N, C-alpha and C. Protein backbone atom coordinates (compact mmCIF):
# COMPACT_ATOMS: atom_id res chain seq x y z
N MET A 1 -3.93 -5.19 27.78
CA MET A 1 -3.95 -4.93 26.35
C MET A 1 -3.07 -5.95 25.62
N LYS A 2 -3.60 -6.48 24.51
CA LYS A 2 -2.86 -7.47 23.75
C LYS A 2 -2.50 -6.89 22.38
N ILE A 3 -1.22 -6.93 22.04
CA ILE A 3 -0.71 -6.29 20.81
C ILE A 3 0.09 -7.30 20.00
N LEU A 4 -0.06 -7.23 18.68
CA LEU A 4 0.78 -8.02 17.78
C LEU A 4 1.63 -7.06 16.96
N ALA A 5 2.95 -7.22 17.02
CA ALA A 5 3.89 -6.39 16.24
C ALA A 5 4.41 -7.22 15.08
N VAL A 6 4.17 -6.75 13.86
CA VAL A 6 4.54 -7.52 12.66
C VAL A 6 5.52 -6.73 11.81
N ASP A 7 6.74 -7.25 11.69
CA ASP A 7 7.77 -6.58 10.88
C ASP A 7 8.85 -7.61 10.57
N ASP A 8 9.36 -7.60 9.35
CA ASP A 8 10.34 -8.61 8.96
C ASP A 8 11.77 -8.22 9.33
N HIS A 9 11.95 -7.04 9.94
CA HIS A 9 13.28 -6.64 10.41
C HIS A 9 13.34 -6.82 11.94
N PRO A 10 14.00 -7.87 12.42
CA PRO A 10 13.96 -8.21 13.85
C PRO A 10 14.49 -7.11 14.76
N ILE A 11 15.52 -6.40 14.34
CA ILE A 11 16.08 -5.35 15.20
C ILE A 11 15.06 -4.23 15.39
N PHE A 12 14.44 -3.81 14.29
CA PHE A 12 13.41 -2.77 14.40
C PHE A 12 12.24 -3.27 15.23
N ARG A 13 11.82 -4.50 14.99
CA ARG A 13 10.67 -5.06 15.71
C ARG A 13 10.92 -5.12 17.21
N LYS A 14 12.12 -5.57 17.59
CA LYS A 14 12.46 -5.65 19.01
C LYS A 14 12.50 -4.26 19.64
N GLY A 15 13.01 -3.29 18.88
CA GLY A 15 13.05 -1.92 19.40
C GLY A 15 11.66 -1.36 19.59
N LEU A 16 10.77 -1.66 18.66
CA LEU A 16 9.38 -1.22 18.75
C LEU A 16 8.71 -1.81 19.99
N VAL A 17 8.91 -3.10 20.18
CA VAL A 17 8.32 -3.77 21.35
C VAL A 17 8.84 -3.15 22.65
N ALA A 18 10.13 -2.84 22.68
CA ALA A 18 10.72 -2.23 23.88
C ALA A 18 10.10 -0.87 24.17
N LEU A 19 9.87 -0.07 23.11
CA LEU A 19 9.25 1.24 23.28
C LEU A 19 7.85 1.10 23.88
N ILE A 20 7.10 0.14 23.38
CA ILE A 20 5.73 -0.05 23.86
C ILE A 20 5.73 -0.54 25.30
N ARG A 21 6.65 -1.44 25.63
CA ARG A 21 6.70 -1.98 27.00
C ARG A 21 7.07 -0.89 28.02
N ASP A 22 7.84 0.10 27.60
CA ASP A 22 8.18 1.19 28.51
C ASP A 22 6.94 1.94 28.98
N GLU A 23 5.93 2.00 28.10
CA GLU A 23 4.70 2.73 28.42
C GLU A 23 3.63 1.79 28.98
N TYR A 24 3.57 0.59 28.43
CA TYR A 24 2.56 -0.38 28.84
C TYR A 24 3.24 -1.64 29.38
N GLN A 25 3.63 -1.57 30.64
CA GLN A 25 4.40 -2.66 31.24
C GLN A 25 3.62 -3.98 31.28
N ASP A 26 2.31 -3.88 31.39
CA ASP A 26 1.49 -5.09 31.53
C ASP A 26 0.95 -5.60 30.19
N ALA A 27 1.35 -4.96 29.10
CA ALA A 27 0.83 -5.37 27.79
C ALA A 27 1.33 -6.75 27.41
N ASP A 28 0.47 -7.54 26.81
CA ASP A 28 0.83 -8.85 26.26
C ASP A 28 1.18 -8.63 24.80
N ILE A 29 2.47 -8.66 24.47
CA ILE A 29 2.91 -8.33 23.11
C ILE A 29 3.47 -9.58 22.42
N MET A 30 2.88 -9.93 21.30
CA MET A 30 3.38 -11.03 20.49
C MET A 30 4.03 -10.46 19.23
N GLU A 31 4.83 -11.27 18.55
CA GLU A 31 5.56 -10.81 17.36
C GLU A 31 5.37 -11.76 16.19
N ALA A 32 5.45 -11.22 14.98
CA ALA A 32 5.45 -12.01 13.75
C ALA A 32 6.41 -11.35 12.77
N GLU A 33 7.06 -12.17 11.93
CA GLU A 33 8.08 -11.62 11.04
C GLU A 33 7.61 -11.51 9.59
N ASN A 34 6.38 -11.93 9.30
CA ASN A 34 5.84 -11.73 7.95
C ASN A 34 4.32 -11.79 8.01
N GLY A 35 3.69 -11.42 6.90
CA GLY A 35 2.24 -11.35 6.86
C GLY A 35 1.54 -12.69 7.03
N GLU A 36 2.12 -13.73 6.46
CA GLU A 36 1.50 -15.05 6.57
C GLU A 36 1.51 -15.54 8.02
N GLU A 37 2.63 -15.36 8.71
CA GLU A 37 2.71 -15.75 10.12
C GLU A 37 1.74 -14.91 10.95
N ALA A 38 1.62 -13.63 10.60
CA ALA A 38 0.71 -12.74 11.33
C ALA A 38 -0.73 -13.25 11.24
N ILE A 39 -1.14 -13.65 10.04
CA ILE A 39 -2.51 -14.15 9.85
C ILE A 39 -2.76 -15.40 10.69
N GLU A 40 -1.78 -16.29 10.72
CA GLU A 40 -1.92 -17.51 11.52
C GLU A 40 -2.09 -17.17 13.01
N ILE A 41 -1.31 -16.20 13.49
CA ILE A 41 -1.39 -15.81 14.90
C ILE A 41 -2.71 -15.10 15.20
N ILE A 42 -3.12 -14.22 14.30
CA ILE A 42 -4.37 -13.46 14.48
C ILE A 42 -5.57 -14.41 14.54
N ASP A 43 -5.53 -15.46 13.74
CA ASP A 43 -6.64 -16.42 13.73
C ASP A 43 -6.78 -17.20 15.04
N LYS A 44 -5.70 -17.24 15.81
CA LYS A 44 -5.71 -18.03 17.04
C LYS A 44 -5.77 -17.17 18.31
N ASN A 45 -5.76 -15.85 18.15
CA ASN A 45 -5.72 -14.96 19.32
C ASN A 45 -6.65 -13.77 19.10
N GLN A 46 -7.02 -13.13 20.18
CA GLN A 46 -7.81 -11.91 20.11
C GLN A 46 -6.93 -10.73 20.52
N PHE A 47 -6.64 -9.85 19.57
CA PHE A 47 -5.76 -8.71 19.83
C PHE A 47 -6.56 -7.42 19.91
N ASP A 48 -6.02 -6.50 20.70
CA ASP A 48 -6.59 -5.15 20.74
C ASP A 48 -6.04 -4.32 19.58
N ILE A 49 -4.74 -4.47 19.31
CA ILE A 49 -4.09 -3.71 18.25
C ILE A 49 -3.10 -4.60 17.50
N VAL A 50 -3.10 -4.50 16.18
CA VAL A 50 -2.11 -5.16 15.34
C VAL A 50 -1.31 -4.07 14.62
N ILE A 51 0.01 -4.09 14.79
CA ILE A 51 0.89 -3.10 14.16
C ILE A 51 1.58 -3.78 12.98
N LEU A 52 1.43 -3.22 11.78
CA LEU A 52 1.85 -3.89 10.55
C LEU A 52 2.80 -3.05 9.70
N ASP A 53 3.87 -3.68 9.24
CA ASP A 53 4.66 -3.11 8.17
C ASP A 53 3.89 -3.37 6.87
N ILE A 54 4.20 -2.63 5.80
CA ILE A 54 3.54 -2.88 4.52
C ILE A 54 4.30 -3.93 3.72
N ASP A 55 5.59 -3.65 3.46
CA ASP A 55 6.41 -4.57 2.66
C ASP A 55 6.97 -5.69 3.53
N MET A 56 6.47 -6.90 3.31
CA MET A 56 6.95 -8.06 4.07
C MET A 56 6.92 -9.30 3.18
N PRO A 57 7.72 -10.30 3.51
CA PRO A 57 7.67 -11.57 2.75
C PRO A 57 6.32 -12.25 2.93
N GLU A 58 6.02 -13.14 2.00
CA GLU A 58 4.81 -13.96 2.02
C GLU A 58 3.55 -13.13 1.75
N LYS A 59 3.14 -12.34 2.71
CA LYS A 59 1.97 -11.48 2.53
C LYS A 59 2.27 -10.09 3.08
N SER A 60 1.71 -9.07 2.45
CA SER A 60 1.97 -7.69 2.85
C SER A 60 1.06 -7.27 4.00
N GLY A 61 1.34 -6.09 4.54
CA GLY A 61 0.47 -5.55 5.58
C GLY A 61 -0.94 -5.30 5.06
N ILE A 62 -1.05 -4.92 3.78
CA ILE A 62 -2.37 -4.71 3.17
C ILE A 62 -3.13 -6.03 3.11
N ASP A 63 -2.42 -7.12 2.80
CA ASP A 63 -3.06 -8.44 2.79
C ASP A 63 -3.60 -8.80 4.17
N VAL A 64 -2.84 -8.47 5.19
CA VAL A 64 -3.28 -8.77 6.57
C VAL A 64 -4.50 -7.93 6.92
N LEU A 65 -4.51 -6.65 6.51
CA LEU A 65 -5.69 -5.81 6.74
C LEU A 65 -6.92 -6.43 6.09
N ASP A 66 -6.76 -6.91 4.86
CA ASP A 66 -7.88 -7.54 4.16
C ASP A 66 -8.39 -8.76 4.93
N HIS A 67 -7.46 -9.54 5.47
CA HIS A 67 -7.86 -10.74 6.22
C HIS A 67 -8.63 -10.35 7.49
N ILE A 68 -8.15 -9.34 8.18
CA ILE A 68 -8.82 -8.87 9.40
C ILE A 68 -10.24 -8.43 9.07
N ASN A 69 -10.41 -7.71 7.96
CA ASN A 69 -11.74 -7.24 7.56
C ASN A 69 -12.64 -8.39 7.14
N THR A 70 -12.07 -9.33 6.38
CA THR A 70 -12.86 -10.47 5.90
C THR A 70 -13.40 -11.31 7.06
N GLN A 71 -12.58 -11.46 8.09
CA GLN A 71 -12.97 -12.26 9.25
C GLN A 71 -13.72 -11.46 10.31
N SER A 72 -13.86 -10.16 10.06
CA SER A 72 -14.58 -9.26 10.98
C SER A 72 -13.98 -9.27 12.39
N TYR A 73 -12.67 -9.35 12.47
CA TYR A 73 -12.01 -9.27 13.77
C TYR A 73 -12.13 -7.84 14.32
N LYS A 74 -12.20 -7.74 15.63
CA LYS A 74 -12.46 -6.45 16.27
C LYS A 74 -11.19 -5.65 16.57
N CYS A 75 -10.03 -6.20 16.28
CA CYS A 75 -8.78 -5.52 16.63
C CYS A 75 -8.57 -4.26 15.79
N LYS A 76 -7.88 -3.29 16.37
CA LYS A 76 -7.49 -2.09 15.65
C LYS A 76 -6.20 -2.39 14.87
N SER A 77 -5.98 -1.66 13.79
CA SER A 77 -4.82 -1.91 12.95
C SER A 77 -4.04 -0.62 12.70
N VAL A 78 -2.72 -0.70 12.86
CA VAL A 78 -1.84 0.45 12.62
C VAL A 78 -0.78 0.04 11.60
N ILE A 79 -0.66 0.83 10.54
CA ILE A 79 0.41 0.61 9.57
C ILE A 79 1.63 1.41 10.02
N LEU A 80 2.76 0.72 10.10
CA LEU A 80 4.03 1.36 10.49
C LEU A 80 5.02 1.08 9.37
N THR A 81 5.36 2.09 8.57
CA THR A 81 6.11 1.86 7.34
C THR A 81 7.15 2.94 7.08
N MET A 82 8.10 2.62 6.21
CA MET A 82 9.09 3.60 5.77
C MET A 82 8.59 4.36 4.54
N HIS A 83 7.47 3.92 3.96
CA HIS A 83 6.98 4.50 2.71
C HIS A 83 6.10 5.72 2.94
N ASN A 84 6.63 6.87 2.61
CA ASN A 84 5.85 8.10 2.61
C ASN A 84 5.17 8.20 1.25
N ASP A 85 4.12 7.44 1.08
CA ASP A 85 3.49 7.27 -0.23
C ASP A 85 1.98 7.45 -0.10
N GLU A 86 1.42 8.34 -0.90
CA GLU A 86 0.00 8.68 -0.78
C GLU A 86 -0.90 7.52 -1.19
N LEU A 87 -0.46 6.71 -2.16
CA LEU A 87 -1.26 5.57 -2.58
C LEU A 87 -1.35 4.53 -1.46
N PHE A 88 -0.20 4.19 -0.86
CA PHE A 88 -0.20 3.25 0.26
C PHE A 88 -1.05 3.79 1.40
N PHE A 89 -0.92 5.07 1.67
CA PHE A 89 -1.67 5.72 2.75
C PHE A 89 -3.17 5.52 2.56
N ASN A 90 -3.66 5.83 1.37
CA ASN A 90 -5.09 5.73 1.11
C ASN A 90 -5.56 4.28 1.04
N GLU A 91 -4.73 3.40 0.47
CA GLU A 91 -5.08 1.99 0.42
C GLU A 91 -5.25 1.44 1.84
N ALA A 92 -4.35 1.83 2.72
CA ALA A 92 -4.42 1.34 4.10
C ALA A 92 -5.73 1.74 4.77
N PHE A 93 -6.10 3.00 4.66
CA PHE A 93 -7.34 3.45 5.31
C PHE A 93 -8.57 2.90 4.59
N ASN A 94 -8.46 2.72 3.27
CA ASN A 94 -9.57 2.11 2.53
C ASN A 94 -9.80 0.67 2.98
N ARG A 95 -8.74 0.00 3.44
CA ARG A 95 -8.85 -1.40 3.88
C ARG A 95 -9.09 -1.53 5.38
N GLY A 96 -9.31 -0.40 6.06
CA GLY A 96 -9.71 -0.48 7.46
C GLY A 96 -8.68 -0.12 8.50
N ALA A 97 -7.52 0.40 8.09
CA ALA A 97 -6.49 0.80 9.07
C ALA A 97 -7.01 1.92 9.96
N ASN A 98 -6.53 1.93 11.20
CA ASN A 98 -6.89 2.98 12.15
C ASN A 98 -5.77 3.98 12.38
N GLY A 99 -4.58 3.62 11.90
CA GLY A 99 -3.44 4.52 12.05
C GLY A 99 -2.42 4.29 10.95
N PHE A 100 -1.66 5.33 10.64
CA PHE A 100 -0.60 5.23 9.63
C PHE A 100 0.58 6.04 10.15
N LEU A 101 1.67 5.33 10.41
CA LEU A 101 2.82 5.92 11.11
C LEU A 101 4.09 5.65 10.32
N LEU A 102 4.91 6.67 10.16
CA LEU A 102 6.19 6.50 9.49
C LEU A 102 7.24 5.96 10.46
N LYS A 103 8.05 5.01 10.01
CA LYS A 103 9.06 4.42 10.87
C LYS A 103 10.04 5.46 11.39
N GLU A 104 10.35 6.44 10.56
CA GLU A 104 11.33 7.44 10.97
C GLU A 104 10.84 8.28 12.16
N ASP A 105 9.53 8.29 12.36
CA ASP A 105 8.96 9.06 13.47
C ASP A 105 8.39 8.18 14.57
N SER A 106 8.59 6.86 14.44
CA SER A 106 7.92 5.93 15.35
C SER A 106 8.34 6.09 16.80
N SER A 107 9.61 6.40 17.04
CA SER A 107 10.06 6.51 18.43
C SER A 107 9.38 7.67 19.15
N ILE A 108 8.97 8.67 18.37
CA ILE A 108 8.32 9.85 18.95
C ILE A 108 6.81 9.68 19.00
N GLU A 109 6.23 9.06 17.98
CA GLU A 109 4.78 9.07 17.82
C GLU A 109 4.07 7.77 18.17
N ILE A 110 4.78 6.67 18.35
CA ILE A 110 4.11 5.38 18.51
C ILE A 110 3.18 5.33 19.72
N ILE A 111 3.61 5.87 20.85
CA ILE A 111 2.76 5.81 22.05
C ILE A 111 1.53 6.67 21.88
N ASP A 112 1.71 7.87 21.33
CA ASP A 112 0.56 8.74 21.06
C ASP A 112 -0.40 8.06 20.09
N CYS A 113 0.16 7.37 19.10
CA CYS A 113 -0.65 6.64 18.12
C CYS A 113 -1.49 5.57 18.82
N LEU A 114 -0.86 4.77 19.65
CA LEU A 114 -1.59 3.69 20.34
C LEU A 114 -2.69 4.26 21.24
N LYS A 115 -2.39 5.35 21.94
CA LYS A 115 -3.39 5.95 22.83
C LYS A 115 -4.60 6.44 22.03
N GLN A 116 -4.34 7.08 20.89
CA GLN A 116 -5.43 7.59 20.06
C GLN A 116 -6.27 6.46 19.49
N VAL A 117 -5.61 5.42 19.03
CA VAL A 117 -6.33 4.29 18.42
C VAL A 117 -7.16 3.55 19.46
N ILE A 118 -6.61 3.38 20.66
CA ILE A 118 -7.35 2.72 21.74
C ILE A 118 -8.61 3.51 22.08
N GLU A 119 -8.52 4.83 21.98
CA GLU A 119 -9.67 5.69 22.29
C GLU A 119 -10.60 5.89 21.10
N GLU A 120 -10.46 5.02 20.09
CA GLU A 120 -11.35 5.01 18.93
C GLU A 120 -11.12 6.18 17.97
N HIS A 121 -9.90 6.75 18.00
CA HIS A 121 -9.56 7.82 17.06
C HIS A 121 -8.53 7.31 16.06
N ASN A 122 -8.59 7.81 14.84
CA ASN A 122 -7.55 7.49 13.88
C ASN A 122 -6.31 8.34 14.13
N PHE A 123 -5.15 7.81 13.77
CA PHE A 123 -3.90 8.54 13.97
C PHE A 123 -3.10 8.55 12.67
N VAL A 124 -2.55 9.74 12.36
CA VAL A 124 -1.72 9.90 11.17
C VAL A 124 -0.46 10.67 11.56
N SER A 125 0.69 10.20 11.10
CA SER A 125 1.94 10.92 11.36
C SER A 125 1.80 12.38 10.90
N LYS A 126 2.40 13.28 11.66
CA LYS A 126 2.29 14.71 11.35
C LYS A 126 2.69 15.01 9.91
N LYS A 127 3.73 14.34 9.43
CA LYS A 127 4.21 14.61 8.07
C LYS A 127 3.19 14.21 7.00
N LEU A 128 2.23 13.37 7.38
CA LEU A 128 1.28 12.85 6.41
C LEU A 128 -0.10 13.50 6.51
N ARG A 129 -0.25 14.50 7.37
CA ARG A 129 -1.55 15.16 7.52
C ARG A 129 -2.09 15.71 6.19
N PRO A 130 -1.23 16.24 5.30
CA PRO A 130 -1.76 16.71 4.00
C PRO A 130 -2.43 15.59 3.21
N TYR A 131 -1.95 14.36 3.35
CA TYR A 131 -2.58 13.23 2.66
C TYR A 131 -4.01 13.04 3.17
N LEU A 132 -4.18 13.23 4.48
CA LEU A 132 -5.50 13.06 5.08
C LEU A 132 -6.46 14.11 4.55
N GLU A 133 -5.98 15.33 4.43
CA GLU A 133 -6.81 16.43 3.93
C GLU A 133 -7.17 16.23 2.46
N ASN A 134 -6.28 15.55 1.72
CA ASN A 134 -6.48 15.37 0.28
C ASN A 134 -7.11 14.03 -0.06
N ARG A 135 -7.51 13.28 0.97
CA ARG A 135 -7.92 11.89 0.78
C ARG A 135 -9.08 11.72 -0.20
N SER A 136 -10.09 12.53 -0.10
CA SER A 136 -11.26 12.40 -0.96
C SER A 136 -10.89 12.62 -2.42
N LYS A 137 -10.13 13.68 -2.70
CA LYS A 137 -9.74 13.97 -4.08
C LYS A 137 -8.82 12.89 -4.63
N PHE A 138 -7.91 12.39 -3.78
CA PHE A 138 -6.97 11.38 -4.23
C PHE A 138 -7.70 10.09 -4.58
N ASN A 139 -8.62 9.68 -3.71
CA ASN A 139 -9.37 8.44 -3.97
C ASN A 139 -10.20 8.55 -5.25
N GLU A 140 -10.73 9.74 -5.49
CA GLU A 140 -11.51 9.95 -6.72
C GLU A 140 -10.61 9.81 -7.94
N ARG A 141 -9.41 10.40 -7.87
CA ARG A 141 -8.46 10.32 -8.99
C ARG A 141 -8.04 8.87 -9.23
N VAL A 142 -7.71 8.14 -8.15
CA VAL A 142 -7.30 6.74 -8.28
C VAL A 142 -8.41 5.91 -8.89
N SER A 143 -9.64 6.15 -8.48
CA SER A 143 -10.79 5.42 -9.02
C SER A 143 -10.93 5.66 -10.52
N GLN A 144 -10.71 6.90 -10.94
CA GLN A 144 -10.79 7.22 -12.36
C GLN A 144 -9.69 6.53 -13.15
N ILE A 145 -8.48 6.51 -12.59
CA ILE A 145 -7.35 5.87 -13.26
C ILE A 145 -7.59 4.37 -13.39
N ARG A 146 -8.05 3.74 -12.31
CA ARG A 146 -8.31 2.30 -12.34
C ARG A 146 -9.40 1.96 -13.35
N SER A 147 -10.40 2.81 -13.42
CA SER A 147 -11.47 2.60 -14.38
C SER A 147 -10.94 2.69 -15.81
N ALA A 148 -10.06 3.66 -16.04
CA ALA A 148 -9.48 3.83 -17.38
C ALA A 148 -8.61 2.64 -17.75
N ILE A 149 -7.81 2.16 -16.80
CA ILE A 149 -6.95 0.99 -17.06
C ILE A 149 -7.81 -0.24 -17.33
N SER A 150 -8.90 -0.37 -16.59
CA SER A 150 -9.79 -1.53 -16.77
C SER A 150 -10.44 -1.53 -18.15
N SER A 151 -10.57 -0.35 -18.75
CA SER A 151 -11.20 -0.24 -20.07
C SER A 151 -10.28 -0.68 -21.20
N LEU A 152 -8.98 -0.87 -20.89
CA LEU A 152 -8.02 -1.28 -21.91
C LEU A 152 -8.22 -2.74 -22.28
N THR A 153 -7.91 -3.06 -23.53
CA THR A 153 -7.92 -4.46 -23.95
C THR A 153 -6.70 -5.16 -23.34
N ASN A 154 -6.66 -6.49 -23.41
CA ASN A 154 -5.52 -7.22 -22.88
C ASN A 154 -4.21 -6.80 -23.56
N ALA A 155 -4.28 -6.62 -24.88
CA ALA A 155 -3.08 -6.21 -25.61
C ALA A 155 -2.62 -4.83 -25.16
N GLU A 156 -3.55 -3.95 -24.91
CA GLU A 156 -3.21 -2.59 -24.46
C GLU A 156 -2.65 -2.61 -23.05
N LYS A 157 -3.24 -3.46 -22.18
CA LYS A 157 -2.73 -3.58 -20.81
C LYS A 157 -1.30 -4.12 -20.82
N ASN A 158 -1.06 -5.13 -21.64
CA ASN A 158 0.30 -5.69 -21.72
C ASN A 158 1.28 -4.66 -22.25
N THR A 159 0.84 -3.87 -23.22
CA THR A 159 1.69 -2.81 -23.75
C THR A 159 1.99 -1.77 -22.68
N LEU A 160 0.96 -1.40 -21.92
CA LEU A 160 1.12 -0.41 -20.86
C LEU A 160 2.15 -0.86 -19.83
N LYS A 161 2.07 -2.14 -19.44
CA LYS A 161 3.01 -2.67 -18.45
C LYS A 161 4.44 -2.66 -18.98
N LEU A 162 4.60 -2.91 -20.27
CA LEU A 162 5.94 -2.91 -20.86
C LEU A 162 6.46 -1.49 -21.05
N VAL A 163 5.57 -0.56 -21.35
CA VAL A 163 5.97 0.86 -21.41
C VAL A 163 6.48 1.29 -20.04
N ALA A 164 5.81 0.82 -18.99
CA ALA A 164 6.22 1.16 -17.62
C ALA A 164 7.61 0.62 -17.31
N GLN A 165 8.03 -0.42 -18.03
CA GLN A 165 9.37 -0.98 -17.87
C GLN A 165 10.38 -0.30 -18.80
N ASN A 166 9.94 0.78 -19.45
CA ASN A 166 10.77 1.57 -20.36
C ASN A 166 11.21 0.77 -21.59
N LYS A 167 10.36 -0.14 -22.05
CA LYS A 167 10.63 -0.88 -23.27
C LYS A 167 10.28 -0.02 -24.49
N THR A 168 11.07 -0.14 -25.55
CA THR A 168 10.78 0.58 -26.79
C THR A 168 9.67 -0.15 -27.54
N SER A 169 9.11 0.53 -28.54
CA SER A 169 8.05 -0.10 -29.34
C SER A 169 8.58 -1.35 -30.04
N LYS A 170 9.83 -1.30 -30.47
CA LYS A 170 10.43 -2.47 -31.12
C LYS A 170 10.53 -3.64 -30.14
N GLU A 171 10.97 -3.35 -28.91
CA GLU A 171 11.09 -4.40 -27.89
C GLU A 171 9.72 -4.96 -27.51
N ILE A 172 8.73 -4.06 -27.40
CA ILE A 172 7.37 -4.49 -27.05
C ILE A 172 6.80 -5.38 -28.15
N ALA A 173 7.03 -4.98 -29.40
CA ALA A 173 6.54 -5.78 -30.53
C ALA A 173 7.11 -7.19 -30.49
N ALA A 174 8.41 -7.31 -30.20
CA ALA A 174 9.05 -8.63 -30.14
C ALA A 174 8.48 -9.46 -29.00
N LEU A 175 8.22 -8.82 -27.85
CA LEU A 175 7.72 -9.54 -26.69
C LEU A 175 6.26 -9.99 -26.86
N LEU A 176 5.48 -9.18 -27.59
CA LEU A 176 4.06 -9.49 -27.78
C LEU A 176 3.79 -10.21 -29.10
N PHE A 177 4.85 -10.41 -29.90
CA PHE A 177 4.73 -11.10 -31.19
C PHE A 177 3.77 -10.38 -32.13
N VAL A 178 3.93 -9.05 -32.18
CA VAL A 178 3.14 -8.23 -33.09
C VAL A 178 4.08 -7.29 -33.82
N THR A 179 3.56 -6.51 -34.74
CA THR A 179 4.37 -5.56 -35.47
C THR A 179 4.54 -4.27 -34.66
N GLU A 180 5.58 -3.50 -35.02
CA GLU A 180 5.77 -2.20 -34.35
C GLU A 180 4.58 -1.29 -34.61
N LYS A 181 3.99 -1.40 -35.81
CA LYS A 181 2.83 -0.59 -36.14
C LYS A 181 1.68 -0.89 -35.18
N SER A 182 1.50 -2.17 -34.85
CA SER A 182 0.45 -2.55 -33.90
C SER A 182 0.71 -1.94 -32.53
N VAL A 183 1.97 -1.96 -32.11
CA VAL A 183 2.32 -1.37 -30.81
C VAL A 183 2.03 0.11 -30.80
N GLU A 184 2.37 0.80 -31.90
CA GLU A 184 2.10 2.23 -31.97
C GLU A 184 0.59 2.50 -31.91
N ASN A 185 -0.17 1.62 -32.52
CA ASN A 185 -1.63 1.76 -32.44
C ASN A 185 -2.12 1.54 -31.01
N TYR A 186 -1.55 0.53 -30.34
CA TYR A 186 -1.91 0.29 -28.94
C TYR A 186 -1.61 1.53 -28.09
N ARG A 187 -0.43 2.06 -28.27
CA ARG A 187 -0.02 3.24 -27.50
C ARG A 187 -0.96 4.42 -27.74
N SER A 188 -1.32 4.60 -28.99
CA SER A 188 -2.22 5.71 -29.34
C SER A 188 -3.58 5.53 -28.68
N ARG A 189 -4.11 4.31 -28.71
CA ARG A 189 -5.41 4.05 -28.09
C ARG A 189 -5.34 4.19 -26.58
N ILE A 190 -4.22 3.74 -25.99
CA ILE A 190 -4.03 3.88 -24.55
C ILE A 190 -4.07 5.35 -24.15
N CYS A 191 -3.32 6.17 -24.87
CA CYS A 191 -3.27 7.61 -24.56
C CYS A 191 -4.66 8.24 -24.68
N LYS A 192 -5.42 7.81 -25.68
CA LYS A 192 -6.77 8.34 -25.86
C LYS A 192 -7.67 7.97 -24.68
N LYS A 193 -7.59 6.70 -24.25
CA LYS A 193 -8.43 6.24 -23.14
C LYS A 193 -8.00 6.86 -21.81
N LEU A 194 -6.70 7.14 -21.68
CA LEU A 194 -6.21 7.76 -20.44
C LEU A 194 -6.26 9.28 -20.51
N GLU A 195 -6.71 9.79 -21.65
CA GLU A 195 -6.83 11.24 -21.88
C GLU A 195 -5.48 11.93 -21.72
N LEU A 196 -4.46 11.33 -22.33
CA LEU A 196 -3.11 11.88 -22.28
C LEU A 196 -2.79 12.58 -23.60
N THR A 197 -2.23 13.77 -23.47
CA THR A 197 -1.78 14.50 -24.65
C THR A 197 -0.35 14.95 -24.41
N GLY A 198 0.40 15.13 -25.51
CA GLY A 198 1.78 15.58 -25.36
C GLY A 198 2.71 14.78 -26.26
N GLY A 199 3.99 14.86 -25.95
CA GLY A 199 5.01 14.21 -26.77
C GLY A 199 5.09 12.71 -26.54
N SER A 200 6.11 12.11 -27.16
CA SER A 200 6.27 10.65 -27.13
C SER A 200 6.57 10.11 -25.75
N ASN A 201 7.08 10.96 -24.86
CA ASN A 201 7.43 10.49 -23.50
C ASN A 201 6.29 10.65 -22.50
N THR A 202 5.17 11.21 -22.95
CA THR A 202 4.05 11.47 -22.04
C THR A 202 3.54 10.19 -21.38
N LEU A 203 3.36 9.15 -22.19
CA LEU A 203 2.84 7.89 -21.65
C LEU A 203 3.81 7.28 -20.66
N TYR A 204 5.09 7.30 -20.98
CA TYR A 204 6.09 6.73 -20.06
C TYR A 204 6.09 7.49 -18.73
N LYS A 205 6.04 8.82 -18.78
CA LYS A 205 6.01 9.61 -17.55
C LYS A 205 4.77 9.27 -16.72
N TRP A 206 3.64 9.09 -17.41
CA TRP A 206 2.40 8.72 -16.70
C TRP A 206 2.56 7.36 -16.03
N CYS A 207 3.21 6.42 -16.73
CA CYS A 207 3.42 5.08 -16.18
C CYS A 207 4.28 5.11 -14.93
N ILE A 208 5.31 5.93 -14.93
CA ILE A 208 6.19 6.04 -13.77
C ILE A 208 5.41 6.60 -12.58
N GLU A 209 4.58 7.58 -12.83
CA GLU A 209 3.80 8.21 -11.76
C GLU A 209 2.73 7.28 -11.20
N ASN A 210 2.29 6.32 -12.02
CA ASN A 210 1.18 5.46 -11.61
C ASN A 210 1.54 3.98 -11.65
N LYS A 211 2.83 3.67 -11.44
CA LYS A 211 3.30 2.30 -11.57
C LYS A 211 2.59 1.33 -10.64
N GLU A 212 2.34 1.75 -9.41
CA GLU A 212 1.67 0.85 -8.46
C GLU A 212 0.27 0.47 -8.95
N LEU A 213 -0.43 1.43 -9.55
CA LEU A 213 -1.78 1.15 -10.04
C LEU A 213 -1.74 0.22 -11.26
N ILE A 214 -0.71 0.39 -12.08
CA ILE A 214 -0.56 -0.49 -13.25
C ILE A 214 -0.24 -1.92 -12.78
N ASP A 215 0.66 -2.03 -11.83
CA ASP A 215 1.08 -3.35 -11.34
C ASP A 215 -0.06 -4.09 -10.66
N SER A 216 -1.02 -3.34 -10.10
CA SER A 216 -2.11 -3.97 -9.36
C SER A 216 -3.20 -4.51 -10.28
N GLN A 217 -3.12 -4.21 -11.56
CA GLN A 217 -4.15 -4.66 -12.51
C GLN A 217 -3.88 -6.09 -12.98
């Protein structure tokens, strides 16, 4: 079995490799410290499993998943991350991941994860099973939010991103070179398109809850 372990924290990566070697003494395990290096190695080798962190320099684990899919490589992919985040979870499986494992549970679950993935089964950390059960509804909600954000004009999108940074209407007006009245109009139209109702802080609260989706636009 040939495995690539990708993580920008060398101590964690070495510990992960040691755990795997205890179970699979004959495994050929290579290492990479960022997404860009991982892609270079993957292009030159045939792996059975690639284990990926999400947050890494150069390119993320999601970027590597996209590359694996684009090139139609046959290797299995496991996300190993500290982020207990439903958006990351669903993005990973949407991009072709076969497993999603939390770092805090990796010493207990990594071998079981590898065994399941090798046997053509998906693996999810026990703490994240509710995400798996809610996956269809979550993806539908995310799709609706992305569609709503896409419907915004450029001025409205720029306003939304600045609201997410907790900028006031006065600050946004100065940054966009428009009047405060224009910003208030942008905010009002944004709330209408996003179907938001409530007080003046409603839009900001929505932005905090959906910051990753806003940043990805």
